[in-house]
Structures are given as C-alpha cells and as structure tokens.
N, C-alpha and C. Protein backbone atom coordinates (compact mmCIF):
# COMPACT_ATOMS: atom_id res chain seq x y z
N UNK A 1 5.61 11.85 32.70
CA UNK A 1 4.46 11.62 32.06
C UNK A 1 3.60 13.04 32.56
N UNK A 2 3.41 13.64 31.68
CA UNK A 2 2.33 14.95 31.97
C UNK A 2 1.10 14.40 31.35
N UNK A 3 0.28 14.54 32.12
CA UNK A 3 -1.11 14.65 31.78
C UNK A 3 -2.19 15.18 31.71
N UNK A 4 -3.42 15.74 31.26
CA UNK A 4 -4.10 16.57 31.58
C UNK A 4 -5.22 16.09 32.02
N UNK A 5 -5.71 16.04 33.27
CA UNK A 5 -6.46 15.60 33.99
C UNK A 5 -8.03 16.10 33.93
N UNK A 6 -9.38 15.46 33.22
CA UNK A 6 -10.91 16.42 33.17
C UNK A 6 -10.45 16.92 31.36
N UNK A 7 -9.18 16.69 31.08
CA UNK A 7 -9.34 17.01 29.28
C UNK A 7 -10.28 15.82 28.28
N UNK A 8 -11.10 16.46 27.99
CA UNK A 8 -11.81 15.39 26.59
C UNK A 8 -10.90 14.32 26.42
N UNK A 9 -11.01 13.06 26.20
CA UNK A 9 -10.03 12.15 25.88
C UNK A 9 -10.53 11.52 24.10
N UNK A 10 -10.23 11.43 22.96
CA UNK A 10 -10.62 11.07 21.98
C UNK A 10 -10.14 9.33 21.39
N UNK A 11 -10.70 9.06 20.45
CA UNK A 11 -9.87 7.77 19.79
C UNK A 11 -8.35 8.03 19.58
N UNK A 12 -7.57 6.88 19.74
CA UNK A 12 -6.23 7.50 19.48
C UNK A 12 -5.27 7.86 20.39
N UNK A 13 -6.09 8.46 21.32
CA UNK A 13 -4.97 9.59 22.33
C UNK A 13 -4.29 8.60 23.15
N UNK A 14 -3.43 8.84 23.86
CA UNK A 14 -2.41 8.24 24.67
C UNK A 14 -2.81 8.95 26.15
N UNK A 15 -2.99 7.74 26.90
CA UNK A 15 -4.23 7.96 28.31
C UNK A 15 -3.80 7.13 29.36
N UNK A 16 -3.18 7.72 30.63
CA UNK A 16 -2.83 7.19 32.07
C UNK A 16 -4.42 6.54 32.70
N UNK A 17 -4.62 5.37 32.88
CA UNK A 17 -5.78 4.99 33.24
C UNK A 17 -5.51 4.34 34.88
N UNK A 18 -6.33 4.82 35.55
CA UNK A 18 -6.56 4.13 37.45
C UNK A 18 -7.49 3.30 37.40
N UNK A 19 -7.59 1.89 37.51
CA UNK A 19 -9.01 1.17 37.62
C UNK A 19 -9.17 1.32 39.04
N UNK A 20 -10.02 0.90 39.63
CA UNK A 20 -10.80 1.16 41.17
C UNK A 20 -9.91 0.10 42.02
N UNK A 21 -9.43 -1.17 41.07
CA UNK A 21 -8.57 -2.08 42.06
C UNK A 21 -7.02 -1.68 42.12
N UNK A 22 -6.86 -0.20 41.66
CA UNK A 22 -5.42 0.43 42.12
C UNK A 22 -4.20 0.09 40.58
N UNK A 23 -4.70 -0.45 39.58
CA UNK A 23 -4.09 -0.50 38.43
C UNK A 23 -3.61 0.50 37.48
N UNK A 24 -2.92 0.76 37.41
CA UNK A 24 -2.38 2.23 36.46
C UNK A 24 -2.00 1.85 34.92
N UNK A 25 -2.05 1.89 34.31
CA UNK A 25 -1.61 2.02 33.16
C UNK A 25 -1.49 2.82 32.21
N UNK A 26 -0.68 3.09 31.24
CA UNK A 26 -0.65 3.70 30.12
C UNK A 26 -0.65 3.12 28.92
N UNK A 27 -1.80 3.14 28.45
CA UNK A 27 -2.26 3.03 27.03
C UNK A 27 -2.78 4.12 25.85
N UNK A 28 -3.27 3.37 24.71
CA UNK A 28 -3.99 4.36 23.70
C UNK A 28 -5.13 4.01 23.32
N UNK A 29 -6.24 4.85 23.49
CA UNK A 29 -7.24 4.49 24.01
C UNK A 29 -8.17 3.94 22.60
N UNK A 30 -8.96 3.28 22.31
CA UNK A 30 -9.74 2.57 21.29
C UNK A 30 -10.95 3.13 20.88
N UNK A 31 -11.59 2.33 20.92
CA UNK A 31 -13.23 2.39 21.43
C UNK A 31 -13.68 2.81 22.75
N UNK A 32 -14.82 3.46 22.71
CA UNK A 32 -14.98 4.09 23.69
C UNK A 32 -16.69 3.95 23.92
N UNK A 33 -17.64 3.95 24.52
CA UNK A 33 -19.38 3.81 24.60
C UNK A 33 -19.61 4.24 26.18
N UNK A 34 -20.84 4.48 26.35
CA UNK A 34 -21.77 4.38 27.38
C UNK A 34 -21.04 3.38 29.03
N UNK A 35 -20.71 2.13 28.05
CA UNK A 35 -20.68 0.83 28.94
C UNK A 35 -19.14 0.16 29.03
N UNK A 36 -18.55 0.69 27.98
CA UNK A 36 -16.71 0.02 28.11
C UNK A 36 -16.08 0.93 27.20
N UNK A 37 -14.53 0.86 27.34
CA UNK A 37 -13.96 1.48 26.95
C UNK A 37 -12.56 0.42 26.62
N UNK A 38 -12.16 0.53 25.57
CA UNK A 38 -11.22 -0.45 24.75
C UNK A 38 -9.66 0.42 24.89
N UNK A 39 -8.61 -0.48 25.29
CA UNK A 39 -7.49 0.26 25.84
C UNK A 39 -6.22 -0.53 24.78
N UNK A 40 -5.42 0.07 23.70
CA UNK A 40 -4.37 -1.08 22.86
C UNK A 40 -3.02 -0.40 23.61
N UNK A 41 -2.12 -1.58 23.78
CA UNK A 41 -0.84 -1.23 24.67
C UNK A 41 -0.07 -0.37 23.93
N UNK A 42 0.91 0.24 24.56
CA UNK A 42 2.10 0.75 23.57
C UNK A 42 2.90 0.26 23.40
N UNK A 43 3.17 -1.45 23.70
CA UNK A 43 3.69 -2.81 23.11
C UNK A 43 3.05 -3.49 22.93
N UNK A 44 2.97 -3.29 21.45
CA UNK A 44 2.34 -4.54 20.41
C UNK A 44 2.34 -6.15 20.87
N UNK A 45 3.14 -6.39 21.99
CA UNK A 45 2.97 -7.90 22.28
C UNK A 45 2.14 -7.83 23.04
N UNK A 46 1.38 -6.85 23.65
CA UNK A 46 0.32 -7.09 24.33
C UNK A 46 -1.30 -6.51 23.68
N UNK A 47 -1.95 -7.39 24.27
CA UNK A 47 -3.57 -7.55 23.60
C UNK A 47 -4.06 -6.23 24.06
N UNK A 48 -5.56 -5.67 23.19
CA UNK A 48 -6.09 -4.91 24.08
C UNK A 48 -6.56 -5.14 25.08
N UNK A 49 -7.22 -4.32 25.74
CA UNK A 49 -8.15 -4.76 26.87
C UNK A 49 -9.72 -3.66 26.95
N UNK A 50 -10.48 -4.91 27.47
CA UNK A 50 -11.76 -3.48 27.26
C UNK A 50 -11.98 -3.80 28.46
N UNK A 51 -12.57 -2.57 29.03
CA UNK A 51 -12.83 -2.32 30.83
C UNK A 51 -14.06 -1.82 30.88
N UNK A 52 -14.89 -2.16 31.83
CA UNK A 52 -16.16 -1.59 31.75
C UNK A 52 -16.03 -0.57 32.12
N UNK A 53 -16.64 0.69 31.92
CA UNK A 53 -16.57 2.08 32.49
C UNK A 53 -16.42 2.57 33.73
N UNK A 54 -17.37 1.43 34.55
CA UNK A 54 -17.48 1.29 35.87
C UNK A 54 -16.49 1.00 37.37
N UNK A 55 -15.46 0.27 36.49
CA UNK A 55 -14.12 -0.02 36.61
C UNK A 55 -12.85 1.01 36.65
N UNK A 56 -13.48 1.82 36.08
CA UNK A 56 -12.44 3.23 35.71
C UNK A 56 -12.84 4.26 36.81
N UNK A 57 -11.25 3.86 37.93
CA UNK A 57 -11.62 5.51 38.56
C UNK A 57 -11.14 6.49 38.20
N UNK A 58 -10.37 6.60 37.26
CA UNK A 58 -10.13 7.99 36.26
C UNK A 58 -9.04 7.63 35.16
N UNK A 59 -9.40 8.43 34.28
CA UNK A 59 -8.46 8.50 32.77
C UNK A 59 -8.24 9.87 32.40
N UNK A 60 -6.57 10.30 32.25
CA UNK A 60 -6.41 11.23 31.93
C UNK A 60 -5.11 11.24 30.52
N UNK A 61 -5.22 12.67 29.85
CA UNK A 61 -4.70 12.40 28.38
C UNK A 61 -3.69 12.47 28.55
N UNK A 62 -2.42 12.04 27.89
CA UNK A 62 -1.03 12.29 28.15
C UNK A 62 -0.42 13.03 26.93
N UNK A 63 0.00 14.44 27.73
CA UNK A 63 0.19 15.34 27.08
C UNK A 63 1.80 15.29 26.71
N UNK A 64 2.43 14.53 27.30
CA UNK A 64 4.01 14.54 26.84
C UNK A 64 4.65 13.32 27.67
N UNK A 65 5.64 12.68 27.24
CA UNK A 65 6.10 11.55 27.86
C UNK A 65 7.83 11.46 27.35
N UNK A 66 8.63 10.99 28.18
CA UNK A 66 9.85 11.21 28.02
C UNK A 66 9.96 9.74 28.66
N UNK A 67 11.58 9.38 28.39
CA UNK A 67 12.11 8.02 28.97
C UNK A 67 13.53 8.30 29.25
C-alpha cells in the first residue's frame, strides 16, 4: 500500500487510519465533519464505523494498493 500523508481526503477516498489506541485499518471515507468521521469497509460484510475525530491519530489517502 502506498499512501500520501498530509494529502486532503475527500468522501469516497480509500484511506488508512490509525487510531490513538493503535488500531490500523484500510477503509473508504464516508461523511466527515468537525467531530466525527464515518468509515466504510472495503469488505461489504463489515458495518460502517463512526469514529470521533479526537480518536484518530492520523489518516492518509491510499494512492496505490496491490495484493
């Protein structure tokens, strides 16, 4: 996975997120406002997650991914 730290992220972008508790995840950015961020899973069997902005250590847009 290649990410671009510091790049602006928009709804629909694939992102990597690290929470302050140490959890790292790859998700699709849904809604984002000053208090919360909605993340939808790349795997449709997982429900969307809503995190407080204060719980996110960093978020970076995914530029390229391969498996």
